[in-house]
Amino acid sequence: MKAILLAATLGLGASLAAQDKTPPLKVPDPPAAGAVRAAARPRVQLVTSCGNIVVELEPEAAPGTVANFLRYVAEGFYTDTIFHRVIDGFMIQGGGLRADLTEKKPHEPIPNEARTAAKAGLLNRKGTLAMARQDNPQSATAQFYINTADNPALDPRDPTDAGFGYCVFGHVVEGMAVVTRIEKVRTGWFHGQQNVPDLPVRIKAAQRLPDQP
């Protein structure tokens, strides 16, 4: 199944996260019913070896997931990681491995907000940004993916682990051509992993942009 292909790193994520001693992430409270939407949504620029991608985040629909992503951005965690899993017509995944496919040590896993995000209209559609994880729905840490097609099979369906869904928390607002360029690179097997680009697609930096007026 395609969903299984988004497993974080062949079981490495959970063991590394268990060793993490950093303070727990402070998650913003979700807005009260009827609350006025925030004036600005955070934007982050991914500077890659194939060009720049700008994503706009949705903190009201997925507050914990956005706070987690922005923490990694602020820490410079994504610098010198790669898009290590690329599947044409499906998605591009990155944000956790170096070019030699060793994993950066992430923070603890975060709660899966896929259901509340989906209720707010954030679904796995082309151009959306979502969290990668292992089979355990509550195992997402740092890795993310960008859908390059509509992938409704990754949306919440039922309360089982298989149907829990993958949390969408933003979408591409600039650089979709770059996403397509990455999607089309040649891939193969490397260090026992499939769908790895033959030449590393590097994330040189992830930078939070000034808030839009």
C-alpha atoms as a PDB file:
ATOM      1  CA  MET A   1       0.000   0.000   0.000  1.00  0.00           C
ATOM      2  CA  LYS A   2       1.182   3.512  -0.723  1.00  0.00           C
ATOM      3  CA  ALA A   3       0.631   4.577   2.882  1.00  0.00           C
ATOM      4  CA  ILE A   4       3.251   2.119   4.052  1.00  0.00           C
ATOM      5  CA  LEU A   5       5.783   3.771   1.744  1.00  0.00           C
ATOM      6  CA  LEU A   6       5.618   6.856   3.962  1.00  0.00           C
ATOM      7  CA  ALA A   7       7.008   5.020   6.998  1.00  0.00           C
ATOM      8  CA  ALA A   8       9.592   7.358   8.476  1.00  0.00           C
ATOM      9  CA  THR A   9      12.872   5.420   8.294  1.00  0.00           C
ATOM     10  CA  LEU A  10      12.450   1.660   8.475  1.00  0.00           C
ATOM     11  CA  GLY A  11      11.827   1.713  12.224  1.00  0.00           C
ATOM     12  CA  LEU A  12      14.649   4.063  13.214  1.00  0.00           C
ATOM     13  CA  GLY A  13      12.445   6.993  14.196  1.00  0.00           C
ATOM     14  CA  ALA A  14      10.834   5.506  17.285  1.00  0.00           C
ATOM     15  CA  SER A  15      14.056   4.216  18.824  1.00  0.00           C
ATOM     16  CA  LEU A  16      15.869   7.517  18.382  1.00  0.00           C
ATOM     17  CA  ALA A  17      12.935   9.546  19.630  1.00  0.00           C
ATOM     18  CA  ALA A  18      12.786   7.459  22.790  1.00  0.00           C
ATOM     19  CA  GLN A  19      16.290   8.658  23.670  1.00  0.00           C
ATOM     20  CA  ASP A  20      15.378  12.317  23.334  1.00  0.00           C
ATOM     21  CA  LYS A  21      15.553  14.278  26.584  1.00  0.00           C
ATOM     22  CA  THR A  22      14.426  17.685  25.334  1.00  0.00           C
ATOM     23  CA  PRO A  23      11.451  19.423  26.988  1.00  0.00           C
ATOM     24  CA  PRO A  24       8.046  18.535  25.531  1.00  0.00           C
ATOM     25  CA  LEU A  25       6.753  20.712  22.730  1.00  0.00           C
ATOM     26  CA  LYS A  26       4.360  23.457  23.849  1.00  0.00           C
ATOM     27  CA  VAL A  27       1.323  23.075  21.629  1.00  0.00           C
ATOM     28  CA  PRO A  28      -0.955  26.098  21.124  1.00  0.00           C
ATOM     29  CA  ASP A  29      -4.583  25.664  22.124  1.00  0.00           C
ATOM     30  CA  PRO A  30      -6.932  25.289  19.136  1.00  0.00           C
ATOM     31  CA  PRO A  31      -9.153  28.311  18.486  1.00  0.00           C
ATOM     32  CA  ALA A  32     -12.574  28.445  20.115  1.00  0.00           C
ATOM     33  CA  ALA A  33     -15.585  27.852  17.909  1.00  0.00           C
ATOM     34  CA  GLY A  34     -16.412  30.977  15.950  1.00  0.00           C
ATOM     35  CA  ALA A  35     -13.040  32.579  16.642  1.00  0.00           C
ATOM     36  CA  VAL A  36     -11.689  35.015  14.054  1.00  0.00           C
ATOM     37  CA  ARG A  37      -9.010  33.486  11.817  1.00  0.00           C
ATOM     38  CA  ALA A  38      -5.468  34.696  12.315  1.00  0.00           C
ATOM     39  CA  ALA A  39      -4.411  37.523  10.025  1.00  0.00           C
ATOM     40  CA  ALA A  40      -1.346  35.650   8.791  1.00  0.00           C
ATOM     41  CA  ARG A  41      -0.301  32.049   8.307  1.00  0.00           C
ATOM     42  CA  PRO A  42       3.400  31.175   8.712  1.00  0.00           C
ATOM     43  CA  ARG A  43       5.384  30.611   5.540  1.00  0.00           C
ATOM     44  CA  VAL A  44       8.587  28.601   5.255  1.00  0.00           C
ATOM     45  CA  GLN A  45      11.002  28.530   2.329  1.00  0.00           C
ATOM     46  CA  LEU A  46      12.761  25.257   1.561  1.00  0.00           C
ATOM     47  CA  VAL A  47      16.014  26.012  -0.250  1.00  0.00           C
ATOM     48  CA  THR A  48      16.813  22.867  -2.234  1.00  0.00           C
ATOM     49  CA  SER A  49      19.410  21.830  -4.782  1.00  0.00           C
ATOM     50  CA  CYS A  50      16.614  21.874  -7.380  1.00  0.00           C
ATOM     51  CA  GLY A  51      15.259  25.326  -6.491  1.00  0.00           C
ATOM     52  CA  ASN A  52      13.157  26.982  -3.792  1.00  0.00           C
ATOM     53  CA  ILE A  53       9.771  25.870  -2.456  1.00  0.00           C
ATOM     54  CA  VAL A  54       7.578  28.069  -0.250  1.00  0.00           C
ATOM     55  CA  VAL A  55       4.937  26.404   1.914  1.00  0.00           C
ATOM     56  CA  GLU A  56       2.156  28.111   3.846  1.00  0.00           C
ATOM     57  CA  LEU A  57       1.172  26.471   7.138  1.00  0.00           C
ATOM     58  CA  GLU A  58      -2.229  26.062   8.795  1.00  0.00           C
ATOM     59  CA  PRO A  59      -1.780  26.517  12.573  1.00  0.00           C
ATOM     60  CA  GLU A  60      -5.500  26.778  13.264  1.00  0.00           C
ATOM     61  CA  ALA A  61      -6.330  23.390  11.771  1.00  0.00           C
ATOM     62  CA  ALA A  62      -3.174  21.564  12.959  1.00  0.00           C
ATOM     63  CA  PRO A  63      -1.631  23.657  15.779  1.00  0.00           C
ATOM     64  CA  GLY A  64       0.619  20.994  17.268  1.00  0.00           C
ATOM     65  CA  THR A  65       1.912  19.819  13.901  1.00  0.00           C
ATOM     66  CA  VAL A  66       2.710  23.357  12.756  1.00  0.00           C
ATOM     67  CA  ALA A  67       4.432  24.176  16.065  1.00  0.00           C
ATOM     68  CA  ASN A  68       6.515  21.012  15.710  1.00  0.00           C
ATOM     69  CA  PHE A  69       7.545  21.838  12.129  1.00  0.00           C
ATOM     70  CA  LEU A  70       8.440  25.428  13.038  1.00  0.00           C
ATOM     71  CA  ARG A  71      10.563  24.218  15.949  1.00  0.00           C
ATOM     72  CA  TYR A  72      12.640  22.081  13.590  1.00  0.00           C
ATOM     73  CA  VAL A  73      12.910  25.043  11.200  1.00  0.00           C
ATOM     74  CA  ALA A  74      14.052  27.390  13.991  1.00  0.00           C
ATOM     75  CA  GLU A  75      16.645  24.859  15.146  1.00  0.00           C
ATOM     76  CA  GLY A  76      18.093  24.472  11.645  1.00  0.00           C
ATOM     77  CA  PHE A  77      17.319  20.769  11.771  1.00  0.00           C
ATOM     78  CA  TYR A  78      16.403  20.496   8.097  1.00  0.00           C
ATOM     79  CA  THR A  79      19.709  21.951   6.879  1.00  0.00           C
ATOM     80  CA  ASP A  80      21.697  19.322   4.951  1.00  0.00           C
ATOM     81  CA  THR A  81      18.883  16.784   4.871  1.00  0.00           C
ATOM     82  CA  ILE A  82      17.561  15.337   1.624  1.00  0.00           C
ATOM     83  CA  PHE A  83      14.406  14.254  -0.153  1.00  0.00           C
ATOM     84  CA  HIS A  84      15.208  10.584   0.329  1.00  0.00           C
ATOM     85  CA  ARG A  85      11.994   8.996  -0.991  1.00  0.00           C
ATOM     86  CA  VAL A  86      10.590  10.172  -4.322  1.00  0.00           C
ATOM     87  CA  ILE A  87       7.705   8.432  -6.090  1.00  0.00           C
ATOM     88  CA  ASP A  88       6.513   9.890  -9.381  1.00  0.00           C
ATOM     89  CA  GLY A  89       2.772  10.448  -9.337  1.00  0.00           C
ATOM     90  CA  PHE A  90       2.580  10.131  -5.554  1.00  0.00           C
ATOM     91  CA  MET A  91       4.794  12.299  -3.318  1.00  0.00           C
ATOM     92  CA  ILE A  92       8.287  13.507  -2.372  1.00  0.00           C
ATOM     93  CA  GLN A  93       9.433  12.835   1.207  1.00  0.00           C
ATOM     94  CA  GLY A  94      12.315  14.340   3.149  1.00  0.00           C
ATOM     95  CA  GLY A  95      13.499  16.233   6.173  1.00  0.00           C
ATOM     96  CA  GLY A  96      15.099  13.536   8.291  1.00  0.00           C
ATOM     97  CA  LEU A  97      18.020  11.858   6.516  1.00  0.00           C
ATOM     98  CA  ARG A  98      21.450  12.993   5.392  1.00  0.00           C
ATOM     99  CA  ALA A  99      22.811  12.232   1.923  1.00  0.00           C
ATOM    100  CA  ASP A 100      24.319   8.947   3.183  1.00  0.00           C
ATOM    101  CA  LEU A 101      20.853   7.942   4.480  1.00  0.00           C
ATOM    102  CA  THR A 102      21.833   8.209   8.129  1.00  0.00           C
ATOM    103  CA  GLU A 103      19.070   9.715  10.243  1.00  0.00           C
ATOM    104  CA  LYS A 104      19.283  12.949  12.175  1.00  0.00           C
ATOM    105  CA  LYS A 105      18.095  12.504  15.755  1.00  0.00           C
ATOM    106  CA  PRO A 106      14.577  13.980  15.994  1.00  0.00           C
ATOM    107  CA  HIS A 107      12.531  15.097  18.968  1.00  0.00           C
ATOM    108  CA  GLU A 108       9.794  12.952  20.456  1.00  0.00           C
ATOM    109  CA  PRO A 109       6.829  11.908  18.270  1.00  0.00           C
ATOM    110  CA  ILE A 110       3.825  14.219  18.140  1.00  0.00           C
ATOM    111  CA  PRO A 111       0.086  13.502  18.301  1.00  0.00           C
ATOM    112  CA  ASN A 112      -1.520  12.847  14.922  1.00  0.00           C
ATOM    113  CA  GLU A 113      -3.915  15.704  14.080  1.00  0.00           C
ATOM    114  CA  ALA A 114      -5.046  14.196  10.763  1.00  0.00           C
ATOM    115  CA  ARG A 115      -8.705  13.986  11.778  1.00  0.00           C
ATOM    116  CA  THR A 116      -9.119  17.554  12.986  1.00  0.00           C
ATOM    117  CA  ALA A 117      -7.114  18.836  10.017  1.00  0.00           C
ATOM    118  CA  ALA A 118      -9.305  16.874   7.607  1.00  0.00           C
ATOM    119  CA  LYS A 119     -12.453  18.283   9.206  1.00  0.00           C
ATOM    120  CA  ALA A 120     -11.033  21.750   8.521  1.00  0.00           C
ATOM    121  CA  GLY A 121     -10.586  20.825   4.850  1.00  0.00           C
ATOM    122  CA  LEU A 122      -6.905  19.855   4.863  1.00  0.00           C
ATOM    123  CA  LEU A 123      -6.731  16.707   2.762  1.00  0.00           C
ATOM    124  CA  ASN A 124      -3.963  14.897   0.918  1.00  0.00           C
ATOM    125  CA  ARG A 125      -4.331  16.671  -2.393  1.00  0.00           C
ATOM    126  CA  LYS A 126      -1.713  17.715  -4.934  1.00  0.00           C
ATOM    127  CA  GLY A 127       0.554  20.417  -3.539  1.00  0.00           C
ATOM    128  CA  THR A 128      -0.259  19.854   0.136  1.00  0.00           C
ATOM    129  CA  LEU A 129       2.326  19.382   2.882  1.00  0.00           C
ATOM    130  CA  ALA A 130       1.871  16.539   5.379  1.00  0.00           C
ATOM    131  CA  MET A 131       3.722  14.587   8.056  1.00  0.00           C
ATOM    132  CA  ALA A 132       5.424  11.296   7.254  1.00  0.00           C
ATOM    133  CA  ARG A 133       5.362   8.599   9.897  1.00  0.00           C
ATOM    134  CA  GLN A 134       5.718   4.889  10.570  1.00  0.00           C
ATOM    135  CA  ASP A 135       2.784   2.460  10.693  1.00  0.00           C
ATOM    136  CA  ASN A 136       1.959   3.694  14.210  1.00  0.00           C
ATOM    137  CA  PRO A 137      -0.295   6.739  13.637  1.00  0.00           C
ATOM    138  CA  GLN A 138       1.345   8.575  16.548  1.00  0.00           C
ATOM    139  CA  SER A 139       4.951   8.206  15.331  1.00  0.00           C
ATOM    140  CA  ALA A 140       5.549  11.396  13.269  1.00  0.00           C
ATOM    141  CA  THR A 141       8.634  13.397  14.236  1.00  0.00           C
ATOM    142  CA  ALA A 142      10.486  15.571  11.700  1.00  0.00           C
ATOM    143  CA  GLN A 143       9.934  14.041   8.266  1.00  0.00           C
ATOM    144  CA  PHE A 144       7.357  15.489   5.905  1.00  0.00           C
ATOM    145  CA  TYR A 145       6.134  14.962   2.378  1.00  0.00           C
ATOM    146  CA  ILE A 146       4.568  16.991  -0.409  1.00  0.00           C
ATOM    147  CA  ASN A 147       1.787  15.332  -2.373  1.00  0.00           C
ATOM    148  CA  THR A 148       2.404  15.403  -6.121  1.00  0.00           C
ATOM    149  CA  ALA A 149      -1.057  13.966  -6.856  1.00  0.00           C
ATOM    150  CA  ASP A 150      -4.403  13.692  -5.097  1.00  0.00           C
ATOM    151  CA  ASN A 151      -3.941  10.881  -2.540  1.00  0.00           C
ATOM    152  CA  PRO A 152      -7.282  10.332  -0.764  1.00  0.00           C
ATOM    153  CA  ALA A 153      -6.070   6.934   0.493  1.00  0.00           C
ATOM    154  CA  LEU A 154      -3.862   8.871   2.941  1.00  0.00           C
ATOM    155  CA  ASP A 155      -6.804  10.765   4.465  1.00  0.00           C
ATOM    156  CA  PRO A 156      -8.539   9.617   7.672  1.00  0.00           C
ATOM    157  CA  ARG A 157     -11.094   6.856   7.057  1.00  0.00           C
ATOM    158  CA  ASP A 158     -11.726   5.042  10.348  1.00  0.00           C
ATOM    159  CA  PRO A 159     -10.306   4.732  13.891  1.00  0.00           C
ATOM    160  CA  THR A 160      -7.985   1.820  13.048  1.00  0.00           C
ATOM    161  CA  ASP A 161      -4.236   2.327  12.671  1.00  0.00           C
ATOM    162  CA  ALA A 162      -4.527   1.674   8.922  1.00  0.00           C
ATOM    163  CA  GLY A 163      -7.311   4.231   8.532  1.00  0.00           C
ATOM    164  CA  PHE A 164      -6.093   6.932  10.895  1.00  0.00           C
ATOM    165  CA  GLY A 165      -4.623   9.048   8.103  1.00  0.00           C
ATOM    166  CA  TYR A 166      -1.629  11.319   7.549  1.00  0.00           C
ATOM    167  CA  CYS A 167      -1.846  14.882   8.846  1.00  0.00           C
ATOM    168  CA  VAL A 168      -1.864  17.676   6.265  1.00  0.00           C
ATOM    169  CA  PHE A 169      -0.705  20.977   7.755  1.00  0.00           C
ATOM    170  CA  GLY A 170       0.061  23.289   4.827  1.00  0.00           C
ATOM    171  CA  HIS A 171       0.389  23.679   1.078  1.00  0.00           C
ATOM    172  CA  VAL A 172       2.858  24.896  -1.528  1.00  0.00           C
ATOM    173  CA  VAL A 173       2.331  28.537  -2.528  1.00  0.00           C
ATOM    174  CA  GLU A 174       5.497  28.989  -4.609  1.00  0.00           C
ATOM    175  CA  GLY A 175       7.773  26.523  -6.370  1.00  0.00           C
ATOM    176  CA  MET A 176       5.412  23.760  -7.442  1.00  0.00           C
ATOM    177  CA  ALA A 177       7.546  23.486 -10.582  1.00  0.00           C
ATOM    178  CA  VAL A 178      10.466  22.642  -8.295  1.00  0.00           C
ATOM    179  CA  VAL A 179       8.381  19.954  -6.599  1.00  0.00           C
ATOM    180  CA  THR A 180       7.641  18.480 -10.031  1.00  0.00           C
ATOM    181  CA  ARG A 181      11.335  18.639 -10.937  1.00  0.00           C
ATOM    182  CA  ILE A 182      12.172  16.634  -7.810  1.00  0.00           C
ATOM    183  CA  GLU A 183       9.334  14.201  -8.483  1.00  0.00           C
ATOM    184  CA  LYS A 184      10.831  13.372 -11.899  1.00  0.00           C
ATOM    185  CA  VAL A 185      14.413  12.616 -10.818  1.00  0.00           C
ATOM    186  CA  ARG A 186      15.776   9.134 -11.420  1.00  0.00           C
ATOM    187  CA  THR A 187      15.570   6.856  -8.390  1.00  0.00           C
ATOM    188  CA  GLY A 188      16.716   3.413  -7.349  1.00  0.00           C
ATOM    189  CA  TRP A 189      17.836   1.280  -4.414  1.00  0.00           C
ATOM    190  CA  PHE A 190      20.443   2.632  -2.025  1.00  0.00           C
ATOM    191  CA  HIS A 191      21.513   1.102   1.301  1.00  0.00           C
ATOM    192  CA  GLY A 192      18.488  -1.169   1.240  1.00  0.00           C
ATOM    193  CA  GLN A 193      15.972   1.596   0.605  1.00  0.00           C
ATOM    194  CA  GLN A 194      13.804   1.992  -2.487  1.00  0.00           C
ATOM    195  CA  ASN A 195      12.847   5.167  -4.398  1.00  0.00           C
ATOM    196  CA  VAL A 196      16.022   7.026  -3.414  1.00  0.00           C
ATOM    197  CA  PRO A 197      17.180   9.677  -5.931  1.00  0.00           C
ATOM    198  CA  ASP A 198      20.323   8.625  -7.814  1.00  0.00           C
ATOM    199  CA  LEU A 199      21.767  12.079  -7.095  1.00  0.00           C
ATOM    200  CA  PRO A 200      20.900  13.547  -3.665  1.00  0.00           C
ATOM    201  CA  VAL A 201      18.188  16.218  -3.691  1.00  0.00           C
ATOM    202  CA  ARG A 202      19.424  18.372  -0.837  1.00  0.00           C
ATOM    203  CA  ILE A 203      17.530  20.651   1.486  1.00  0.00           C
ATOM    204  CA  LYS A 204      20.156  23.344   1.985  1.00  0.00           C
ATOM    205  CA  ALA A 205      18.044  25.323   4.445  1.00  0.00           C
ATOM    206  CA  ALA A 206      14.524  25.823   5.752  1.00  0.00           C
ATOM    207  CA  GLN A 207      13.790  29.450   6.575  1.00  0.00           C
ATOM    208  CA  ARG A 208      10.704  31.028   8.114  1.00  0.00           C
ATOM    209  CA  LEU A 209       9.674  34.022   6.031  1.00  0.00           C
ATOM    210  CA  PRO A 210       8.276  37.292   7.418  1.00  0.00           C
ATOM    211  CA  ASP A 211       4.556  37.062   8.097  1.00  0.00           C
ATOM    212  CA  GLN A 212       2.321  38.320   5.305  1.00  0.00           C
ATOM    213  CA  PRO A 213       0.325  41.496   6.100  1.00  0.00           C
END
